[in-house]
Amino acid sequence: MSAAAAQERMPALYLSHGAPPLADDPVWPGQLAAWSADLPHPKAILVVSAHWEEAPLALGATRTVPLVYDFWGFPEHYYQVRYEAPGAPELAESVRKLLRAPGMPVQDIPDRGLDHGAYVPLVEMFPEADLPVLQISMPTLDPVRLMDIGRRLAPLRDEGVLIVGSGFFTHNLAALRHADGGVPSWSSEFDDWGRRALEARDVDALLDFLHKAPAGRYAHPRTEHFAPLFVTMGAAEVAGELDAQKSVIDGFWMGMAKRSVQFG
C-alpha cells in the first residue's frame, strides 16, 4: 500500500479565528487545542483566511517568512507573537496543479507571510509550529466560485492536508460599537439560522445567505469572514461529507458568533 493510500483522509474545517486577544480568552484557546487534539495528525495545513483577498489566486510564502500583523491599535505584545512554521513548497506545487485551469491563473507571492486569520488559531491548535503551512488568497467573494476552488483542492485531504477556512461566523465590528455589550439579535439570529442550514445541508440557502438568512447583511456587511466556509464546503462535498458535519465550537465572543465547523 502506498503512503498516500495509507494516509487517513483529513477533515475540512471552517473556524472562527477571533483576533489577537483570543489568546487571552479564558475558554476559547482551550477549545481550539482540544479540537486539534481530536483530529488525525496532518502532514501539512492549507489555510484560506478572510484577511487575504488577492486576484488572481495567490500562494503565500513557501518558506518561513515573518508574519503579517494586519491589525492596528493593539498592545505591543500582540506584535511580538511568532509562528515560524516550515514553508510548504511541495504543497504549493500540488495546489498549482489542482487549481491551474483556463481562466484560473495562479500566482506566487513568496514574501507574503501568514496573517492573523491563519496564525492566531494555529498558535492555539498546533503550538509547536512544526507542520508546513501554506496560505492561499481568496480571488473572489463569490460563494459559488469559492466552492469550486474547494472542490479542486479536495484531493489534498487524502494526502494528509488539513484544509482550513478561517473567518468569523458573524462579523460586524461597526454595529458592535453601538451595542450594549450583550449579544445583538442580528448575531444570534444569523448564528441560529446558519447552524440549522448546515445541519439540513441546505447548500442553496447557504450560498444565498445574504438574502436567505435573517439579518444577513447586518451579520456580514462585507462577506469576507463568511466566504472561507464555502472553500471548506467544496472540499467536503467532493467526498460526500456535507452530511458529516458538526459544530465543534459555538457561543459568542464580543457579540460575534464563534461557530466553528468540521466536515468529515
Protein backbone atom coordinates (compact mmCIF):
# COMPACT_ATOMS: atom_id res chain seq x y z
CA MET A 1 0.00 0.00 0.00
CA SER A 2 1.37 3.41 -0.95
CA ALA A 3 1.91 6.14 1.63
CA ALA A 4 -0.86 8.16 0.01
CA ALA A 5 -3.28 5.22 0.20
CA ALA A 6 -2.40 4.60 3.84
CA GLN A 7 -2.93 8.23 4.82
CA GLU A 8 -6.16 8.87 6.70
CA ARG A 9 -8.37 11.43 5.00
CA MET A 10 -8.17 14.71 6.85
CA PRO A 11 -11.31 16.60 7.83
CA ALA A 12 -12.02 20.03 6.37
CA LEU A 13 -12.56 22.84 8.86
CA TYR A 14 -14.19 26.23 8.99
CA LEU A 15 -13.21 28.11 12.12
CA SER A 16 -13.88 31.49 13.61
CA HIS A 17 -10.47 32.93 14.34
CA GLY A 18 -11.18 35.86 16.61
CA ALA A 19 -8.45 38.48 16.86
CA PRO A 20 -5.08 38.64 18.64
CA PRO A 21 -6.77 38.89 22.10
CA LEU A 22 -8.25 35.41 21.53
CA ALA A 23 -5.08 34.14 23.24
CA ASP A 24 -6.21 35.82 26.47
CA ASP A 25 -9.72 34.42 26.48
CA PRO A 26 -10.29 32.02 29.41
CA VAL A 27 -12.15 29.43 27.29
CA TRP A 28 -11.52 29.71 23.56
CA PRO A 29 -7.82 28.71 23.36
CA GLY A 30 -8.62 25.50 25.23
CA GLN A 31 -11.48 24.75 22.85
CA LEU A 32 -9.18 25.11 19.85
CA ALA A 33 -6.48 22.98 21.48
CA ALA A 34 -8.98 20.24 22.32
CA TRP A 35 -10.27 20.30 18.74
CA SER A 36 -6.83 19.81 17.23
CA ALA A 37 -6.08 17.01 19.71
CA ASP A 38 -9.06 15.08 18.34
CA LEU A 39 -8.00 15.44 14.69
CA PRO A 40 -5.92 12.96 12.73
CA HIS A 41 -2.33 14.16 12.55
CA PRO A 42 -1.90 16.27 9.40
CA LYS A 43 1.15 16.29 7.16
CA ALA A 44 0.55 19.92 6.24
CA ILE A 45 -2.04 22.68 6.61
CA LEU A 46 -3.65 24.78 3.89
CA VAL A 47 -5.35 27.97 5.13
CA VAL A 48 -7.80 30.28 3.38
CA SER A 49 -8.21 33.38 5.54
CA ALA A 50 -10.75 36.19 5.50
CA HIS A 51 -7.82 38.59 5.59
CA TRP A 52 -6.29 37.83 2.23
CA GLU A 53 -8.20 38.77 -0.89
CA GLU A 54 -5.99 38.71 -3.96
CA ALA A 55 -6.72 38.03 -7.61
CA PRO A 56 -5.53 36.03 -9.40
CA LEU A 57 -5.44 33.44 -6.64
CA ALA A 58 -2.10 33.72 -4.89
CA LEU A 59 0.09 31.34 -2.91
CA GLY A 60 1.85 32.87 0.07
CA ALA A 61 5.33 32.12 1.32
CA THR A 62 6.58 28.63 0.59
CA ARG A 63 9.35 29.19 3.13
CA THR A 64 9.35 30.65 6.63
CA VAL A 65 8.92 34.43 6.45
CA PRO A 66 7.70 36.97 9.05
CA LEU A 67 4.05 37.03 10.00
CA VAL A 68 1.70 39.72 8.72
CA TYR A 69 0.46 41.76 11.70
CA ASP A 70 -2.60 43.00 9.85
CA PHE A 71 -4.23 44.85 12.75
CA TRP A 72 -3.84 48.21 14.43
CA GLY A 73 -4.09 49.74 17.88
CA PHE A 74 -3.40 46.63 19.96
CA PRO A 75 -0.90 46.39 22.84
CA GLU A 76 2.67 45.80 21.74
CA HIS A 77 2.90 42.19 22.92
CA TYR A 78 0.46 41.09 20.22
CA TYR A 79 3.02 42.22 17.64
CA GLN A 80 5.69 40.05 19.26
CA VAL A 81 3.90 36.75 18.60
CA ARG A 82 5.91 34.37 16.43
CA TYR A 83 4.79 31.30 14.50
CA GLU A 84 7.72 30.02 12.49
CA ALA A 85 6.07 27.09 10.74
CA PRO A 86 8.02 25.43 7.93
CA GLY A 87 7.21 26.51 4.41
CA ALA A 88 5.26 24.12 2.20
CA PRO A 89 6.81 24.13 -1.29
CA GLU A 90 5.57 20.61 -2.11
CA LEU A 91 2.03 21.52 -1.09
CA ALA A 92 2.28 24.72 -3.12
CA GLU A 93 3.17 22.71 -6.22
CA SER A 94 0.22 20.38 -5.65
CA VAL A 95 -2.09 23.38 -5.28
CA ARG A 96 -0.80 24.87 -8.52
CA LYS A 97 -1.50 21.63 -10.39
CA LEU A 98 -5.00 21.32 -8.93
CA LEU A 99 -6.06 24.91 -9.49
CA ARG A 100 -4.47 25.93 -12.75
CA ALA A 101 -7.04 25.84 -15.50
CA PRO A 102 -8.21 28.11 -18.31
CA GLY A 103 -9.47 31.27 -16.69
CA MET A 104 -7.97 30.41 -13.31
CA PRO A 105 -4.36 31.62 -13.15
CA VAL A 106 -2.30 31.11 -10.01
CA GLN A 107 0.41 33.49 -8.84
CA ASP A 108 3.14 33.29 -6.22
CA ILE A 109 3.79 35.99 -3.61
CA PRO A 110 6.74 34.40 -1.77
CA ASP A 111 7.26 37.18 0.79
CA ARG A 112 3.64 37.24 1.99
CA GLY A 113 3.59 35.67 5.47
CA LEU A 114 0.70 34.20 7.44
CA ASP A 115 -1.85 36.80 8.54
CA HIS A 116 -3.70 36.74 11.85
CA GLY A 117 -6.58 34.77 10.34
CA ALA A 118 -4.08 31.95 9.91
CA TYR A 119 -1.60 32.17 12.77
CA VAL A 120 -3.90 33.22 15.64
CA PRO A 121 -5.83 29.91 15.63
CA LEU A 122 -2.78 27.84 14.64
CA VAL A 123 -0.83 29.08 17.68
CA GLU A 124 -3.55 27.52 19.85
CA MET A 125 -4.16 24.38 17.77
CA PHE A 126 -0.62 23.46 16.72
CA PRO A 127 1.65 25.43 19.05
CA GLU A 128 4.80 23.51 18.13
CA ALA A 129 4.72 25.17 14.68
CA ASP A 130 6.28 22.01 13.23
CA LEU A 131 3.80 21.43 10.39
CA PRO A 132 4.25 23.01 6.95
CA VAL A 133 1.64 25.73 6.43
CA LEU A 134 0.56 27.28 3.14
CA GLN A 135 -1.87 30.17 2.89
CA ILE A 136 -3.71 30.93 -0.32
CA SER A 137 -5.75 34.01 -1.15
CA MET A 138 -9.42 34.32 -1.97
CA PRO A 139 -9.55 35.62 -5.56
CA THR A 140 -13.27 36.35 -5.20
CA LEU A 141 -16.00 36.52 -2.59
CA ASP A 142 -18.50 34.74 -4.84
CA PRO A 143 -19.66 31.69 -2.86
CA VAL A 144 -20.18 29.57 -5.98
CA ARG A 145 -16.66 30.18 -7.24
CA LEU A 146 -15.18 29.60 -3.80
CA MET A 147 -16.96 26.24 -3.55
CA ASP A 148 -15.43 25.30 -6.89
CA ILE A 149 -11.97 26.14 -5.55
CA GLY A 150 -12.68 23.91 -2.58
CA ARG A 151 -13.74 21.07 -4.88
CA ARG A 152 -10.48 21.36 -6.79
CA LEU A 153 -8.49 21.27 -3.55
CA ALA A 154 -10.38 18.26 -2.16
CA PRO A 155 -7.82 15.61 -3.26
CA LEU A 156 -5.31 17.14 -0.84
CA ARG A 157 -7.34 15.77 2.05
CA ASP A 158 -6.38 12.23 1.02
CA GLU A 159 -2.72 13.26 1.09
CA GLY A 160 -2.83 14.32 4.74
CA VAL A 161 -3.51 18.02 4.20
CA LEU A 162 -5.80 19.79 6.67
CA ILE A 163 -7.84 22.38 4.77
CA VAL A 164 -8.88 25.28 7.00
CA GLY A 165 -11.23 28.10 6.09
CA SER A 166 -10.70 30.84 8.67
CA GLY A 167 -13.25 33.61 9.15
CA PHE A 168 -15.89 34.59 11.69
CA PHE A 169 -19.45 33.21 11.65
CA THR A 170 -20.80 36.73 12.23
CA HIS A 171 -18.72 39.86 11.78
CA ASN A 172 -19.91 43.45 12.04
CA LEU A 173 -17.46 45.49 14.09
CA ALA A 174 -19.14 48.80 13.29
CA ALA A 175 -22.51 47.65 14.66
CA LEU A 176 -20.87 46.30 17.80
CA ARG A 177 -19.58 49.77 18.67
CA HIS A 178 -23.19 50.75 19.28
CA ALA A 179 -24.20 47.57 21.11
CA ASP A 180 -24.82 47.37 24.84
CA GLY A 181 -22.21 44.69 25.43
CA GLY A 182 -24.50 41.70 25.04
CA VAL A 183 -25.09 39.51 22.00
CA PRO A 184 -27.00 41.56 19.41
CA SER A 185 -30.06 39.98 17.85
CA TRP A 186 -28.57 40.10 14.35
CA SER A 187 -25.68 37.94 15.52
CA SER A 188 -27.72 35.37 17.44
CA GLU A 189 -30.37 35.09 14.72
CA PHE A 190 -27.83 34.60 11.95
CA ASP A 191 -25.92 32.06 14.03
CA ASP A 192 -29.07 30.04 14.67
CA TRP A 193 -30.04 30.17 11.00
CA GLY A 194 -26.54 29.13 9.92
CA ARG A 195 -26.50 26.21 12.34
CA ARG A 196 -29.83 24.94 11.03
CA ALA A 197 -28.86 25.42 7.38
CA LEU A 198 -25.64 23.46 7.91
CA GLU A 199 -27.45 20.66 9.73
CA ALA A 200 -30.01 20.49 6.89
CA ARG A 201 -27.22 20.53 4.25
CA ASP A 202 -29.11 23.41 2.62
CA VAL A 203 -26.32 24.40 0.27
CA ASP A 204 -28.53 26.64 -1.86
CA ALA A 205 -29.59 28.69 1.16
CA LEU A 206 -26.03 29.00 2.42
CA LEU A 207 -24.80 30.14 -0.99
CA ASP A 208 -27.50 32.84 -0.98
CA PHE A 209 -27.06 33.68 2.70
CA LEU A 210 -27.27 37.46 2.25
CA HIS A 211 -30.87 37.07 1.09
CA LYS A 212 -31.96 33.90 2.87
CA ALA A 213 -30.59 34.47 6.37
CA PRO A 214 -32.23 36.79 8.90
CA ALA A 215 -30.12 39.88 9.34
CA GLY A 216 -27.71 38.58 6.73
CA ARG A 217 -26.43 42.00 5.77
CA TYR A 218 -26.06 43.02 9.42
CA ALA A 219 -24.16 39.86 10.31
CA HIS A 220 -21.92 40.33 7.26
CA PRO A 221 -21.99 43.87 5.83
CA ARG A 222 -18.94 42.65 3.94
CA THR A 223 -18.83 38.92 3.34
CA GLU A 224 -15.13 38.09 3.59
CA HIS A 225 -15.46 36.42 7.00
CA PHE A 226 -18.19 34.01 5.89
CA ALA A 227 -16.59 33.35 2.49
CA PRO A 228 -13.95 30.81 3.64
CA LEU A 229 -16.79 28.49 4.68
CA PHE A 230 -17.51 27.84 1.01
CA VAL A 231 -13.99 26.64 0.26
CA THR A 232 -14.35 24.21 3.16
CA MET A 233 -17.77 23.08 1.93
CA GLY A 234 -16.44 22.49 -1.57
CA ALA A 235 -13.62 20.35 -0.21
CA ALA A 236 -16.16 18.33 1.79
CA GLU A 237 -18.76 17.98 -0.94
CA VAL A 238 -16.45 16.02 -3.25
CA ALA A 239 -16.03 13.34 -0.58
CA GLY A 240 -19.77 13.30 0.11
CA GLU A 241 -19.16 14.65 3.57
CA LEU A 242 -21.51 17.60 3.76
CA ASP A 243 -23.68 15.23 5.80
CA ALA A 244 -20.81 14.51 8.16
CA GLN A 245 -20.61 17.95 9.70
CA LYS A 246 -20.65 19.09 13.29
CA SER A 247 -20.24 22.36 15.13
CA VAL A 248 -17.21 21.83 17.33
CA ILE A 249 -17.23 25.31 18.89
CA ASP A 250 -20.19 27.64 19.35
CA GLY A 251 -21.14 30.58 21.51
CA PHE A 252 -20.19 34.23 21.17
CA TRP A 253 -17.14 36.41 21.66
CA MET A 254 -17.58 40.17 21.94
CA GLY A 255 -21.06 39.72 20.47
CA MET A 256 -19.94 37.77 17.40
CA ALA A 257 -20.71 34.10 16.77
CA LYS A 258 -17.60 31.95 17.02
CA ARG A 259 -19.26 28.87 15.49
CA SER A 260 -16.64 26.56 14.03
CA VAL A 261 -17.47 23.52 11.94
CA GLN A 262 -15.80 20.25 10.99
CA PHE A 263 -16.68 18.22 7.91
CA GLY A 264 -15.56 14.61 7.88
